[in-house]
């Protein structure tokens, strides 16, 4: 089976932050520049992000480093945008919240989804073939239960039972890797 690439976790927090910075700085700056509209402000927010991550997080606490980094950066950027909005409102008296972009599905959540997706792909590959086939038909190909049953020559009830087993096996395997999908939301 394919091995999931994990972000290396050096022993010292400084090494962890240094590697995190080297690995994701360019992408983070591009995202922040797009979000904030000013490269110099993006660099400042990125610096604040790396400082916060260095002060608060320890390598052993972080399961999804890229997601954590982008989440912290998004929070700092939103604070910056709110501050600008308030300053503009004080000066002009008329700036509304609609000028602050909505980043609920930002790169932090996308990064986490990508990292979990790698784990999930490996878990799906490890399913028994009869469970994997139903799982893929239902969740990847989007086929309805009735169509799956007809294609495999089994009852819809059997499809439901196998899907339940497949989902349970995936949940258990991910949980054994420290991933609780209920906490991802």
Protein backbone atom coordinates (compact mmCIF):
# COMPACT_ATOMS: atom_id res chain seq x y z
CA UNK A 1 0.00 0.00 0.00
CA UNK A 2 1.14 3.59 -0.57
CA UNK A 3 2.72 5.29 2.39
CA UNK A 4 1.21 8.62 3.47
CA UNK A 5 3.79 11.38 3.46
CA UNK A 6 3.90 12.96 6.86
CA UNK A 7 5.31 16.37 7.61
CA UNK A 8 8.67 15.71 9.30
CA UNK A 9 8.60 16.58 12.98
CA UNK A 10 12.10 17.52 14.14
CA UNK A 11 12.76 17.38 17.85
CA UNK A 12 13.07 21.11 18.52
CA UNK A 13 10.14 23.48 17.93
CA UNK A 14 12.47 25.92 16.13
CA UNK A 15 13.29 23.26 13.53
CA UNK A 16 9.60 22.50 13.10
CA UNK A 17 8.76 26.18 12.49
CA UNK A 18 11.75 26.62 10.18
CA UNK A 19 10.70 23.67 8.04
CA UNK A 20 7.05 24.79 8.08
CA UNK A 21 8.12 28.26 6.94
CA UNK A 22 10.44 26.98 4.20
CA UNK A 23 7.82 24.56 2.92
CA UNK A 24 4.75 26.81 2.85
CA UNK A 25 5.91 30.43 2.96
CA UNK A 26 5.52 31.19 -0.77
CA UNK A 27 2.04 29.69 -0.94
CA UNK A 28 1.02 31.46 2.28
CA UNK A 29 2.29 34.82 1.01
CA UNK A 30 0.42 34.41 -2.28
CA UNK A 31 -2.79 33.57 -0.42
CA UNK A 32 -2.41 36.47 2.03
CA UNK A 33 -1.56 38.92 -0.78
CA UNK A 34 -4.70 37.89 -2.62
CA UNK A 35 -6.77 38.17 0.56
CA UNK A 36 -5.32 41.46 1.80
CA UNK A 37 -4.49 43.11 -1.53
CA UNK A 38 -1.09 44.40 -0.40
CA UNK A 39 2.16 42.37 -0.47
CA UNK A 40 3.75 44.30 2.39
CA UNK A 41 0.72 43.68 4.60
CA UNK A 42 0.74 40.00 3.57
CA UNK A 43 4.40 39.70 4.68
CA UNK A 44 3.54 41.31 8.02
CA UNK A 45 0.62 38.95 8.61
CA UNK A 46 2.74 35.95 7.57
CA UNK A 47 5.40 37.01 10.08
CA UNK A 48 2.75 37.34 12.81
CA UNK A 49 1.50 33.90 11.86
CA UNK A 50 4.89 32.23 12.16
CA UNK A 51 5.53 33.98 15.48
CA UNK A 52 2.17 32.81 16.86
CA UNK A 53 2.74 29.26 15.68
CA UNK A 54 6.19 29.28 17.25
CA UNK A 55 4.87 30.58 20.59
CA UNK A 56 1.80 28.38 20.91
CA UNK A 57 2.17 25.11 19.00
CA UNK A 58 4.55 22.23 19.64
CA UNK A 59 5.43 19.77 16.85
CA UNK A 60 3.87 16.82 18.65
CA UNK A 61 0.55 18.70 18.97
CA UNK A 62 0.09 19.37 15.27
CA UNK A 63 -1.44 16.66 13.11
CA UNK A 64 -2.05 18.84 10.04
CA UNK A 65 0.71 21.50 9.96
CA UNK A 66 -0.27 23.19 6.69
CA UNK A 67 -3.93 23.42 7.72
CA UNK A 68 -2.97 24.84 11.11
CA UNK A 69 -0.65 27.39 9.49
CA UNK A 70 -3.31 28.61 7.04
CA UNK A 71 -5.96 28.73 9.75
CA UNK A 72 -3.79 30.95 11.95
CA UNK A 73 -2.89 33.12 8.94
CA UNK A 74 -6.55 33.46 7.92
CA UNK A 75 -7.48 34.55 11.44
CA UNK A 76 -4.73 37.18 11.47
CA UNK A 77 -5.71 38.40 8.00
CA UNK A 78 -9.37 38.69 8.97
CA UNK A 79 -8.39 40.66 12.08
CA UNK A 80 -6.35 42.95 9.85
CA UNK A 81 -9.27 43.42 7.44
CA UNK A 82 -11.61 44.20 10.33
CA UNK A 83 -9.13 46.69 11.73
CA UNK A 84 -8.91 48.39 8.32
CA UNK A 85 -12.70 48.43 8.05
CA UNK A 86 -13.02 50.05 11.47
CA UNK A 87 -10.34 52.63 10.66
CA UNK A 88 -12.08 53.45 7.39
CA UNK A 89 -15.43 53.65 9.17
CA UNK A 90 -13.99 56.08 11.68
CA UNK A 91 -12.58 58.24 8.90
CA UNK A 92 -15.47 58.08 6.43
CA UNK A 93 -18.24 56.85 8.67
CA UNK A 94 -19.63 54.42 6.07
CA UNK A 95 -17.75 51.17 5.44
CA UNK A 96 -19.81 47.98 5.77
CA UNK A 97 -18.89 44.39 6.61
CA UNK A 98 -19.54 43.33 3.01
CA UNK A 99 -16.04 44.56 2.15
CA UNK A 100 -14.47 41.82 4.28
CA UNK A 101 -14.26 38.67 2.14
CA UNK A 102 -15.82 35.45 3.37
CA UNK A 103 -13.09 32.85 3.90
CA UNK A 104 -15.02 30.11 5.70
CA UNK A 105 -13.74 27.56 3.21
CA UNK A 106 -10.22 28.89 3.11
CA UNK A 107 -6.95 27.18 2.44
CA UNK A 108 -6.70 26.02 6.06
CA UNK A 109 -9.80 23.85 5.64
CA UNK A 110 -8.67 22.84 2.14
CA UNK A 111 -5.25 21.83 3.45
CA UNK A 112 -6.85 19.75 6.19
CA UNK A 113 -9.17 18.12 3.65
CA UNK A 114 -6.20 17.34 1.40
CA UNK A 115 -4.23 15.75 4.24
CA UNK A 116 -7.22 13.75 5.46
CA UNK A 117 -7.94 12.77 1.86
CA UNK A 118 -4.51 11.17 1.59
CA UNK A 119 -5.19 9.12 4.70
CA UNK A 120 -8.68 8.21 3.50
CA UNK A 121 -7.43 7.09 0.09
CA UNK A 122 -5.06 4.65 1.79
CA UNK A 123 -7.81 3.41 4.08
CA UNK A 124 -10.13 2.83 1.12
CA UNK A 125 -7.40 0.90 -0.72
CA UNK A 126 -7.13 -1.40 2.31
CA UNK A 127 -10.85 -2.25 2.39
CA UNK A 128 -11.94 -5.71 1.37
CA UNK A 129 -12.67 -5.69 -2.40
CA UNK A 130 -16.45 -6.17 -2.02
CA UNK A 131 -16.64 -3.26 0.47
CA UNK A 132 -14.27 -1.05 -1.53
CA UNK A 133 -16.29 -1.51 -4.74
CA UNK A 134 -19.54 -0.40 -3.09
CA UNK A 135 -17.85 2.49 -1.28
CA UNK A 136 -16.31 3.79 -4.51
CA UNK A 137 -19.52 3.37 -6.49
CA UNK A 138 -21.54 5.26 -3.87
CA UNK A 139 -19.15 7.96 -2.64
CA UNK A 140 -16.79 8.51 -5.56
CA UNK A 141 -19.02 7.81 -8.55
CA UNK A 142 -22.17 9.05 -6.79
CA UNK A 143 -24.31 6.10 -7.86
CA UNK A 144 -27.57 5.51 -6.00
CA UNK A 145 -28.08 2.35 -3.93
CA UNK A 146 -30.53 0.87 -6.44
CA UNK A 147 -28.05 1.24 -9.32
CA UNK A 148 -25.23 -0.30 -7.26
CA UNK A 149 -27.41 -3.26 -6.36
CA UNK A 150 -28.34 -3.84 -10.01
CA UNK A 151 -24.73 -3.52 -11.20
CA UNK A 152 -23.46 -6.02 -8.63
CA UNK A 153 -26.45 -8.35 -8.77
CA UNK A 154 -27.19 -8.04 -5.05
CA UNK A 155 -30.08 -6.65 -3.01
CA UNK A 156 -30.27 -3.04 -1.89
CA UNK A 157 -30.28 -4.31 1.68
CA UNK A 158 -26.94 -6.06 1.02
CA UNK A 159 -25.60 -2.80 -0.44
CA UNK A 160 -26.64 -0.99 2.76
CA UNK A 161 -24.97 -3.60 4.97
CA UNK A 162 -21.72 -3.49 3.02
CA UNK A 163 -21.75 0.30 2.96
CA UNK A 164 -22.23 0.35 6.73
CA UNK A 165 -19.30 -2.06 7.15
CA UNK A 166 -17.13 -0.01 4.79
CA UNK A 167 -17.89 3.25 6.58
CA UNK A 168 -17.29 1.66 9.98
CA UNK A 169 -13.96 0.21 8.81
CA UNK A 170 -12.88 3.60 7.41
CA UNK A 171 -13.89 5.43 10.58
CA UNK A 172 -12.07 2.92 12.80
CA UNK A 173 -8.92 2.97 10.69
CA UNK A 174 -8.82 6.77 10.58
CA UNK A 175 -9.47 6.88 14.31
CA UNK A 176 -6.53 4.53 14.90
CA UNK A 177 -4.41 7.12 13.04
CA UNK A 178 -5.67 9.86 15.34
CA UNK A 179 -8.15 11.36 12.88
CA UNK A 180 -11.65 11.99 14.20
CA UNK A 181 -13.82 13.23 11.36
CA UNK A 182 -16.35 14.68 13.83
CA UNK A 183 -13.67 17.16 14.97
CA UNK A 184 -12.83 18.25 11.41
CA UNK A 185 -16.06 20.22 10.99
